[in-house]
Amino acid sequence: MFKNLIQRFDTPFFRFLIIGGVNTALGYLVTLILHYGLHLGVQLSQALNFLICFPVAYTLQARFSFQVPWSWKRLLIYPLSNIPSLLIQLAVTTIAVDYFGIEPSIAYLLSYVVAIPVMYIVVKFLVGEKKS
């Protein structure tokens, strides 16, 4: 029964969610270090997080979520998949912090949650195996 349950949830979407959780945790940690540790601005911390973490995020998504071979071409294209997410995250964080007075650490988390559905569709298109 447990094996059937695991097989049922062993889909690209659920693997994407798990790896996305790992990537989110890593990105959140990096963003907090940049913002609170290095005292960088809210938006700059998120933008630098994007640059620092995308190679790890691509590798995890390619190898585990979509189980496709790692490639330089896809690595270089992968940041394109994150641009919609980055824009959504920057907008949500800016609105949450500047207009609603929400603590940046909470606003960062909120921005990740809002961007998840968009990210799945875009990443699947850019990183996933093309059907012939």
N, C-alpha and C. Protein backbone atom coordinates (compact mmCIF):
# COMPACT_ATOMS: atom_id res chain seq x y z
N MET A 1 0.82 -1.19 0.00
CA MET A 1 0.00 0.00 0.00
C MET A 1 0.87 1.26 0.00
N PHE A 2 1.91 1.29 0.87
CA PHE A 2 2.79 2.45 0.94
C PHE A 2 3.53 2.63 -0.39
N LYS A 3 3.93 1.50 -1.00
CA LYS A 3 4.62 1.56 -2.29
C LYS A 3 3.70 2.14 -3.37
N ASN A 4 2.43 1.73 -3.37
CA ASN A 4 1.46 2.26 -4.33
C ASN A 4 1.25 3.76 -4.12
N LEU A 5 1.24 4.18 -2.87
CA LEU A 5 1.06 5.60 -2.57
C LEU A 5 2.25 6.39 -3.10
N ILE A 6 3.45 5.89 -2.89
CA ILE A 6 4.65 6.57 -3.38
C ILE A 6 4.62 6.63 -4.91
N GLN A 7 4.27 5.53 -5.57
CA GLN A 7 4.20 5.52 -7.03
C GLN A 7 3.16 6.50 -7.55
N ARG A 8 2.06 6.59 -6.85
CA ARG A 8 0.99 7.49 -7.28
C ARG A 8 1.43 8.96 -7.24
N PHE A 9 2.27 9.29 -6.25
CA PHE A 9 2.74 10.66 -6.11
C PHE A 9 4.09 10.91 -6.79
N ASP A 10 4.63 9.89 -7.44
CA ASP A 10 5.90 10.05 -8.15
C ASP A 10 5.63 10.57 -9.56
N THR A 11 5.27 11.84 -9.60
CA THR A 11 4.97 12.50 -10.87
C THR A 11 5.85 13.75 -10.97
N PRO A 12 6.04 14.26 -12.18
CA PRO A 12 6.83 15.48 -12.29
C PRO A 12 6.31 16.63 -11.43
N PHE A 13 4.98 16.75 -11.31
CA PHE A 13 4.44 17.85 -10.52
C PHE A 13 4.80 17.72 -9.04
N PHE A 14 4.65 16.53 -8.47
CA PHE A 14 4.97 16.36 -7.05
C PHE A 14 6.47 16.45 -6.80
N ARG A 15 7.27 15.92 -7.73
CA ARG A 15 8.72 16.08 -7.60
C ARG A 15 9.08 17.56 -7.70
N PHE A 16 8.41 18.28 -8.60
CA PHE A 16 8.62 19.72 -8.74
C PHE A 16 8.31 20.42 -7.42
N LEU A 17 7.22 20.04 -6.76
CA LEU A 17 6.86 20.66 -5.49
C LEU A 17 7.91 20.39 -4.42
N ILE A 18 8.40 19.17 -4.36
CA ILE A 18 9.41 18.83 -3.35
C ILE A 18 10.71 19.58 -3.61
N ILE A 19 11.19 19.51 -4.84
CA ILE A 19 12.42 20.21 -5.20
C ILE A 19 12.20 21.72 -5.08
N GLY A 20 11.03 22.17 -5.45
CA GLY A 20 10.71 23.58 -5.29
C GLY A 20 10.77 24.00 -3.83
N GLY A 21 10.34 23.11 -2.94
CA GLY A 21 10.45 23.39 -1.50
C GLY A 21 11.90 23.52 -1.06
N VAL A 22 12.74 22.64 -1.57
CA VAL A 22 14.17 22.71 -1.26
C VAL A 22 14.75 24.02 -1.81
N ASN A 23 14.43 24.32 -3.06
CA ASN A 23 14.93 25.56 -3.68
C ASN A 23 14.40 26.79 -2.95
N THR A 24 13.15 26.74 -2.53
CA THR A 24 12.57 27.87 -1.81
C THR A 24 13.27 28.06 -0.47
N ALA A 25 13.51 26.98 0.24
CA ALA A 25 14.20 27.07 1.53
C ALA A 25 15.60 27.65 1.35
N LEU A 26 16.32 27.17 0.34
CA LEU A 26 17.66 27.68 0.07
C LEU A 26 17.60 29.17 -0.31
N GLY A 27 16.68 29.51 -1.22
CA GLY A 27 16.55 30.90 -1.64
C GLY A 27 16.13 31.82 -0.50
N TYR A 28 15.24 31.33 0.34
CA TYR A 28 14.80 32.11 1.49
C TYR A 28 15.97 32.38 2.43
N LEU A 29 16.77 31.35 2.69
CA LEU A 29 17.94 31.50 3.56
C LEU A 29 18.93 32.51 2.97
N VAL A 30 19.22 32.37 1.68
CA VAL A 30 20.15 33.29 1.01
C VAL A 30 19.60 34.71 1.06
N THR A 31 18.31 34.88 0.80
CA THR A 31 17.69 36.21 0.82
C THR A 31 17.77 36.83 2.21
N LEU A 32 17.48 36.03 3.24
CA LEU A 32 17.55 36.56 4.61
C LEU A 32 18.98 36.96 4.98
N ILE A 33 19.95 36.15 4.57
CA ILE A 33 21.35 36.49 4.84
C ILE A 33 21.73 37.79 4.14
N LEU A 34 21.31 37.93 2.89
CA LEU A 34 21.62 39.15 2.15
C LEU A 34 20.93 40.37 2.77
N HIS A 35 19.66 40.20 3.16
CA HIS A 35 18.89 41.34 3.68
C HIS A 35 19.29 41.69 5.11
N TYR A 36 19.24 40.70 6.00
CA TYR A 36 19.49 40.97 7.41
C TYR A 36 20.98 40.91 7.76
N GLY A 37 21.71 39.99 7.12
CA GLY A 37 23.13 39.85 7.43
C GLY A 37 24.00 40.91 6.78
N LEU A 38 23.75 41.16 5.49
CA LEU A 38 24.55 42.14 4.76
C LEU A 38 23.85 43.49 4.62
N HIS A 39 22.62 43.59 5.16
CA HIS A 39 21.85 44.83 5.18
C HIS A 39 21.59 45.40 3.79
N LEU A 40 21.32 44.51 2.85
CA LEU A 40 20.96 44.94 1.50
C LEU A 40 19.46 45.18 1.45
N GLY A 41 19.01 45.97 0.50
CA GLY A 41 17.59 46.27 0.36
C GLY A 41 16.77 45.03 0.01
N VAL A 42 15.47 45.14 0.21
CA VAL A 42 14.55 44.03 -0.02
C VAL A 42 14.65 43.51 -1.46
N GLN A 43 14.51 44.40 -2.43
CA GLN A 43 14.52 44.00 -3.84
C GLN A 43 15.91 43.52 -4.28
N LEU A 44 16.96 44.18 -3.82
CA LEU A 44 18.32 43.77 -4.18
C LEU A 44 18.61 42.38 -3.63
N SER A 45 18.18 42.10 -2.43
CA SER A 45 18.38 40.76 -1.84
C SER A 45 17.71 39.69 -2.68
N GLN A 46 16.48 39.96 -3.15
CA GLN A 46 15.79 38.98 -3.98
C GLN A 46 16.46 38.83 -5.33
N ALA A 47 16.90 39.91 -5.92
CA ALA A 47 17.55 39.84 -7.23
C ALA A 47 18.88 39.07 -7.13
N LEU A 48 19.67 39.33 -6.11
CA LEU A 48 20.93 38.60 -5.93
C LEU A 48 20.68 37.13 -5.62
N ASN A 49 19.64 36.85 -4.86
CA ASN A 49 19.26 35.46 -4.59
C ASN A 49 19.02 34.73 -5.91
N PHE A 50 18.33 35.39 -6.82
CA PHE A 50 18.05 34.83 -8.14
C PHE A 50 19.35 34.43 -8.83
N LEU A 51 20.34 35.32 -8.84
CA LEU A 51 21.61 35.04 -9.52
C LEU A 51 22.42 33.96 -8.81
N ILE A 52 22.39 33.96 -7.51
CA ILE A 52 23.19 33.01 -6.72
C ILE A 52 22.62 31.60 -6.79
N CYS A 53 21.31 31.47 -6.73
CA CYS A 53 20.69 30.16 -6.56
C CYS A 53 20.24 29.48 -7.85
N PHE A 54 20.18 30.17 -8.97
CA PHE A 54 19.61 29.53 -10.15
C PHE A 54 20.39 28.29 -10.64
N PRO A 55 21.72 28.24 -10.56
CA PRO A 55 22.39 27.00 -11.02
C PRO A 55 21.99 25.77 -10.19
N VAL A 56 21.85 25.95 -8.89
CA VAL A 56 21.44 24.84 -8.02
C VAL A 56 19.99 24.47 -8.33
N ALA A 57 19.13 25.47 -8.47
CA ALA A 57 17.72 25.22 -8.76
C ALA A 57 17.55 24.47 -10.08
N TYR A 58 18.27 24.91 -11.10
CA TYR A 58 18.19 24.23 -12.40
C TYR A 58 18.62 22.77 -12.26
N THR A 59 19.75 22.54 -11.62
CA THR A 59 20.29 21.19 -11.49
C THR A 59 19.29 20.28 -10.77
N LEU A 60 18.72 20.74 -9.69
CA LEU A 60 17.75 19.92 -8.95
C LEU A 60 16.48 19.67 -9.77
N GLN A 61 15.99 20.69 -10.46
CA GLN A 61 14.78 20.51 -11.26
C GLN A 61 15.02 19.55 -12.42
N ALA A 62 16.14 19.72 -13.10
CA ALA A 62 16.43 18.86 -14.26
C ALA A 62 16.61 17.41 -13.82
N ARG A 63 17.46 17.19 -12.83
CA ARG A 63 17.82 15.82 -12.44
C ARG A 63 16.70 15.09 -11.71
N PHE A 64 16.02 15.79 -10.81
CA PHE A 64 15.05 15.10 -9.95
C PHE A 64 13.60 15.32 -10.36
N SER A 65 13.21 16.56 -10.64
CA SER A 65 11.80 16.82 -10.96
C SER A 65 11.42 16.25 -12.31
N PHE A 66 12.19 16.60 -13.32
CA PHE A 66 11.83 16.20 -14.68
C PHE A 66 12.70 15.08 -15.23
N GLN A 67 13.72 14.68 -14.47
CA GLN A 67 14.59 13.55 -14.79
C GLN A 67 15.11 13.61 -16.23
N VAL A 68 15.68 14.76 -16.56
CA VAL A 68 16.30 14.96 -17.87
C VAL A 68 17.80 15.20 -17.65
N PRO A 69 18.61 14.91 -18.65
CA PRO A 69 20.04 15.13 -18.50
C PRO A 69 20.37 16.62 -18.30
N TRP A 70 21.38 16.85 -17.50
CA TRP A 70 21.86 18.22 -17.27
C TRP A 70 22.54 18.71 -18.53
N SER A 71 22.29 19.96 -18.91
CA SER A 71 22.97 20.49 -20.09
C SER A 71 23.26 21.98 -19.90
N TRP A 72 24.35 22.42 -20.50
CA TRP A 72 24.71 23.84 -20.45
C TRP A 72 23.64 24.68 -21.13
N LYS A 73 23.12 24.21 -22.25
CA LYS A 73 22.10 24.97 -22.98
C LYS A 73 20.89 25.23 -22.09
N ARG A 74 20.39 24.18 -21.45
CA ARG A 74 19.23 24.35 -20.57
C ARG A 74 19.57 25.21 -19.35
N LEU A 75 20.80 25.07 -18.84
CA LEU A 75 21.21 25.92 -17.71
C LEU A 75 21.15 27.39 -18.11
N LEU A 76 21.61 27.70 -19.30
CA LEU A 76 21.61 29.09 -19.75
C LEU A 76 20.20 29.60 -20.06
N ILE A 77 19.31 28.70 -20.46
CA ILE A 77 17.92 29.08 -20.73
C ILE A 77 17.10 29.15 -19.44
N TYR A 78 17.48 28.36 -18.44
CA TYR A 78 16.71 28.24 -17.20
C TYR A 78 16.38 29.58 -16.53
N PRO A 79 17.30 30.54 -16.49
CA PRO A 79 16.92 31.81 -15.84
C PRO A 79 15.69 32.46 -16.47
N LEU A 80 15.45 32.18 -17.75
CA LEU A 80 14.24 32.71 -18.39
C LEU A 80 12.99 32.21 -17.69
N SER A 81 13.06 30.96 -17.20
CA SER A 81 11.90 30.40 -16.51
C SER A 81 11.64 31.10 -15.19
N ASN A 82 12.67 31.69 -14.63
CA ASN A 82 12.54 32.35 -13.34
C ASN A 82 12.19 33.83 -13.43
N ILE A 83 12.27 34.40 -14.62
CA ILE A 83 11.95 35.82 -14.74
C ILE A 83 10.50 36.12 -14.34
N PRO A 84 9.51 35.34 -14.80
CA PRO A 84 8.14 35.61 -14.33
C PRO A 84 8.04 35.49 -12.81
N SER A 85 8.68 34.48 -12.25
CA SER A 85 8.65 34.29 -10.81
C SER A 85 9.32 35.46 -10.09
N LEU A 86 10.49 35.87 -10.58
CA LEU A 86 11.20 36.98 -9.96
C LEU A 86 10.34 38.25 -9.98
N LEU A 87 9.71 38.52 -11.12
CA LEU A 87 8.86 39.71 -11.22
C LEU A 87 7.67 39.64 -10.27
N ILE A 88 7.06 38.46 -10.19
CA ILE A 88 5.94 38.26 -9.26
C ILE A 88 6.42 38.45 -7.82
N GLN A 89 7.57 37.83 -7.50
CA GLN A 89 8.10 37.92 -6.14
C GLN A 89 8.46 39.36 -5.78
N LEU A 90 9.10 40.06 -6.70
CA LEU A 90 9.45 41.46 -6.43
C LEU A 90 8.19 42.31 -6.21
N ALA A 91 7.17 42.10 -7.04
CA ALA A 91 5.93 42.86 -6.91
C ALA A 91 5.24 42.56 -5.58
N VAL A 92 5.11 41.27 -5.26
CA VAL A 92 4.44 40.89 -4.02
C VAL A 92 5.20 41.42 -2.81
N THR A 93 6.52 41.26 -2.83
CA THR A 93 7.33 41.74 -1.70
C THR A 93 7.24 43.25 -1.56
N THR A 94 7.36 43.97 -2.66
CA THR A 94 7.29 45.43 -2.61
C THR A 94 5.93 45.89 -2.08
N ILE A 95 4.86 45.32 -2.61
CA ILE A 95 3.51 45.70 -2.15
C ILE A 95 3.33 45.35 -0.67
N ALA A 96 3.76 44.14 -0.30
CA ALA A 96 3.59 43.69 1.09
C ALA A 96 4.37 44.57 2.07
N VAL A 97 5.60 44.89 1.72
CA VAL A 97 6.45 45.67 2.64
C VAL A 97 6.10 47.16 2.60
N ASP A 98 6.04 47.72 1.40
CA ASP A 98 5.86 49.17 1.27
C ASP A 98 4.44 49.65 1.52
N TYR A 99 3.45 48.85 1.14
CA TYR A 99 2.07 49.32 1.25
C TYR A 99 1.31 48.74 2.43
N PHE A 100 1.69 47.52 2.84
CA PHE A 100 0.98 46.89 3.95
C PHE A 100 1.82 46.79 5.22
N GLY A 101 3.09 47.19 5.13
CA GLY A 101 3.95 47.19 6.32
C GLY A 101 4.28 45.81 6.86
N ILE A 102 4.23 44.81 6.00
CA ILE A 102 4.54 43.44 6.42
C ILE A 102 6.04 43.29 6.56
N GLU A 103 6.46 42.59 7.58
CA GLU A 103 7.89 42.32 7.82
C GLU A 103 8.48 41.62 6.59
N PRO A 104 9.66 42.05 6.13
CA PRO A 104 10.26 41.46 4.93
C PRO A 104 10.39 39.93 4.97
N SER A 105 10.72 39.37 6.12
CA SER A 105 10.87 37.91 6.19
C SER A 105 9.56 37.20 5.87
N ILE A 106 8.43 37.77 6.24
CA ILE A 106 7.12 37.21 5.92
C ILE A 106 6.77 37.50 4.47
N ALA A 107 7.08 38.69 4.01
CA ALA A 107 6.78 39.08 2.62
C ALA A 107 7.53 38.19 1.64
N TYR A 108 8.77 37.82 1.96
CA TYR A 108 9.53 36.92 1.08
C TYR A 108 8.81 35.59 0.93
N LEU A 109 8.37 35.03 2.05
CA LEU A 109 7.65 33.75 2.00
C LEU A 109 6.37 33.87 1.19
N LEU A 110 5.62 34.91 1.42
CA LEU A 110 4.38 35.14 0.68
C LEU A 110 4.65 35.23 -0.82
N SER A 111 5.73 35.89 -1.19
CA SER A 111 6.06 36.05 -2.61
C SER A 111 6.37 34.72 -3.26
N TYR A 112 7.02 33.81 -2.53
CA TYR A 112 7.31 32.48 -3.07
C TYR A 112 6.02 31.70 -3.32
N VAL A 113 5.12 31.74 -2.36
CA VAL A 113 3.87 30.98 -2.47
C VAL A 113 3.04 31.47 -3.66
N VAL A 114 2.97 32.75 -3.86
CA VAL A 114 2.18 33.31 -4.96
C VAL A 114 2.76 32.89 -6.31
N ALA A 115 4.07 32.75 -6.40
CA ALA A 115 4.73 32.46 -7.69
C ALA A 115 4.74 30.97 -8.06
N ILE A 116 4.44 30.06 -7.16
CA ILE A 116 4.58 28.61 -7.42
C ILE A 116 3.81 28.13 -8.65
N PRO A 117 2.52 28.41 -8.81
CA PRO A 117 1.80 27.89 -9.98
C PRO A 117 2.40 28.36 -11.31
N VAL A 118 2.79 29.60 -11.37
CA VAL A 118 3.39 30.13 -12.60
C VAL A 118 4.70 29.40 -12.89
N MET A 119 5.50 29.20 -11.85
CA MET A 119 6.81 28.55 -12.02
C MET A 119 6.68 27.13 -12.57
N TYR A 120 5.72 26.37 -12.09
CA TYR A 120 5.59 24.99 -12.56
C TYR A 120 5.39 24.97 -14.08
N ILE A 121 4.50 25.78 -14.56
CA ILE A 121 4.18 25.78 -16.00
C ILE A 121 5.40 26.22 -16.81
N VAL A 122 6.05 27.27 -16.39
CA VAL A 122 7.19 27.78 -17.15
C VAL A 122 8.37 26.83 -17.10
N VAL A 123 8.69 26.30 -15.91
CA VAL A 123 9.83 25.39 -15.78
C VAL A 123 9.58 24.10 -16.55
N LYS A 124 8.37 23.59 -16.50
CA LYS A 124 8.07 22.36 -17.23
C LYS A 124 8.30 22.58 -18.73
N PHE A 125 7.91 23.73 -19.23
CA PHE A 125 8.08 24.02 -20.65
C PHE A 125 9.55 24.16 -21.02
N LEU A 126 10.34 24.84 -20.19
CA LEU A 126 11.75 25.11 -20.53
C LEU A 126 12.70 23.97 -20.19
N VAL A 127 12.43 23.24 -19.11
CA VAL A 127 13.37 22.22 -18.64
C VAL A 127 12.92 20.82 -19.00
N GLY A 128 11.62 20.58 -19.03
CA GLY A 128 11.10 19.25 -19.27
C GLY A 128 11.49 18.69 -20.62
N GLU A 129 11.46 17.37 -20.72
CA GLU A 129 11.79 16.66 -21.95
C GLU A 129 10.75 16.98 -23.02
N LYS A 130 11.21 17.27 -24.19
CA LYS A 130 10.29 17.55 -25.30
C LYS A 130 9.76 16.24 -25.87
N LYS A 131 8.46 16.18 -26.09
CA LYS A 131 7.84 14.99 -26.67
C LYS A 131 8.01 15.02 -28.18
N SER A 132 8.28 13.82 -28.76
CA SER A 132 8.46 13.82 -30.22
C SER A 132 7.16 13.55 -30.93
